[in-house]
Amino acid sequence: MSNYELMEKFVDIIEKERIRQNIKQSELYNSCGISSSAYAKFLKNKNTSFTNIIKILVALNMQDNIEGLLTSKNFISIKEIRLKQKNSNRKRVRNES
C-alpha cells in the first residue's frame, strides 16, 4: 500500500466515524486544535502530520486504532534489541590447523 493509499484510508475511516458521531468538520478540527486549512488539506490532498492524525483519533475517541502501532515484538527494551543485533553480527571462525 502506498503512502497516499494509507492516507486515503485514514481520511475514509476518520470521516465515516465523524459522520457516525454526528460531528461537524468544524467541531472536530476545533476540538483538536487543528486549523480549518490543515483539516481541509488532510481531506483533499491526503496530507497531514502524524500528530494531527493522533489528535483527530483522540477527539473521535478512537485511541484503540493507535494501539496496534504501539506494540513491540518480543523485545523488552532497545538495549535488548541492540544486544541481539550485536550477537548476530558476531561470527566465529575456527582455525583448522
Protein backbone atom coordinates (compact mmCIF):
# COMPACT_ATOMS: atom_id res chain seq x y z
CA MET A 1 0.00 0.00 0.00
CA SER A 2 1.43 3.40 -0.95
CA ASN A 3 1.66 6.38 1.41
CA TYR A 4 -1.17 8.06 -0.45
CA GLU A 5 -3.36 4.96 -0.17
CA LEU A 6 -2.68 4.77 3.56
CA MET A 7 -3.67 8.39 3.99
CA GLU A 8 -6.81 7.79 1.90
CA LYS A 9 -7.70 5.05 4.33
CA PHE A 10 -7.13 7.37 7.31
CA VAL A 11 -9.38 10.00 5.73
CA ASP A 12 -12.08 7.43 4.97
CA ILE A 13 -12.08 5.94 8.47
CA ILE A 14 -12.00 9.34 10.18
CA GLU A 15 -14.74 10.86 8.03
CA LYS A 16 -17.02 7.85 8.48
CA GLU A 17 -16.58 7.99 12.24
CA ARG A 18 -17.07 11.76 12.33
CA ILE A 19 -20.35 11.40 10.42
CA ARG A 20 -21.42 8.41 12.55
CA GLN A 21 -20.90 10.51 15.68
CA ASN A 22 -22.79 13.39 14.05
CA ILE A 23 -19.89 15.82 14.49
CA LYS A 24 -19.41 18.74 12.11
CA GLN A 25 -15.99 19.12 10.50
CA SER A 26 -15.56 22.49 12.20
CA GLU A 27 -16.35 20.96 15.60
CA LEU A 28 -13.78 18.26 15.01
CA TYR A 29 -10.87 20.41 13.90
CA ASN A 30 -11.62 22.99 16.59
CA SER A 31 -11.67 20.34 19.33
CA CYS A 32 -8.32 19.04 18.02
CA GLY A 33 -6.67 22.43 17.82
CA ILE A 34 -6.13 21.98 14.08
CA SER A 35 -6.73 24.83 11.66
CA SER A 36 -9.53 24.58 9.10
CA SER A 37 -6.97 24.77 6.28
CA ALA A 38 -4.92 21.90 7.77
CA TYR A 39 -8.04 19.76 8.04
CA ALA A 40 -9.12 20.66 4.50
CA LYS A 41 -5.65 19.74 3.21
CA PHE A 42 -5.91 16.42 5.02
CA LEU A 43 -9.22 15.65 3.34
CA LYS A 44 -8.32 16.90 -0.13
CA ASN A 45 -4.61 16.14 -0.50
CA LYS A 46 -4.44 13.27 1.99
CA ASN A 47 -1.59 15.05 3.72
CA THR A 48 -1.12 15.96 7.39
CA SER A 49 1.26 15.32 10.24
CA PHE A 50 1.13 12.18 12.34
CA THR A 51 0.48 14.43 15.33
CA ASN A 52 -2.67 15.77 13.66
CA ILE A 53 -3.89 12.24 12.93
CA ILE A 54 -3.42 11.31 16.59
CA LYS A 55 -5.25 14.47 17.71
CA ILE A 56 -8.17 13.62 15.41
CA LEU A 57 -8.33 9.98 16.54
CA VAL A 58 -8.30 11.04 20.20
CA ALA A 59 -11.02 13.65 19.59
CA LEU A 60 -13.17 10.94 17.99
CA ASN A 61 -12.40 8.58 20.90
CA MET A 62 -10.62 6.19 18.53
CA GLN A 63 -7.46 5.66 20.61
CA ASP A 64 -7.77 1.91 20.14
CA ASN A 65 -6.80 2.43 16.50
CA ILE A 66 -3.42 3.71 17.69
CA GLU A 67 -2.70 0.74 19.97
CA GLY A 68 -1.59 -1.52 17.11
CA LEU A 69 1.11 0.97 16.18
CA LEU A 70 2.48 0.97 19.70
CA THR A 71 3.03 -2.74 20.21
CA SER A 72 6.53 -4.12 20.07
CA LYS A 73 7.59 -7.57 19.05
CA ASN A 74 9.17 -9.92 21.59
CA PHE A 75 11.72 -7.41 22.88
CA ILE A 76 11.86 -5.93 26.32
CA SER A 77 13.97 -2.89 25.53
CA ILE A 78 16.04 -1.11 22.89
CA LYS A 79 19.12 -2.35 24.76
CA GLU A 80 17.99 -5.95 24.23
CA ILE A 81 17.43 -5.34 20.51
CA ARG A 82 20.92 -3.88 20.16
CA LEU A 83 22.43 -6.78 22.08
CA LYS A 84 20.68 -9.30 19.82
CA GLN A 85 21.91 -7.44 16.73
CA LYS A 86 25.44 -7.31 18.09
CA ASN A 87 25.42 -11.03 18.87
CA SER A 88 24.01 -11.98 15.48
CA ASN A 89 26.72 -9.96 13.72
CA ARG A 90 29.49 -11.82 15.52
CA LYS A 91 30.65 -14.86 13.66
CA ARG A 92 33.39 -17.03 14.98
CA VAL A 93 35.87 -18.57 12.66
CA ARG A 94 37.54 -21.76 13.71
CA ASN A 95 41.18 -22.33 13.00
CA GLU A 96 41.58 -25.63 11.24
CA SER A 97 45.23 -26.38 11.96
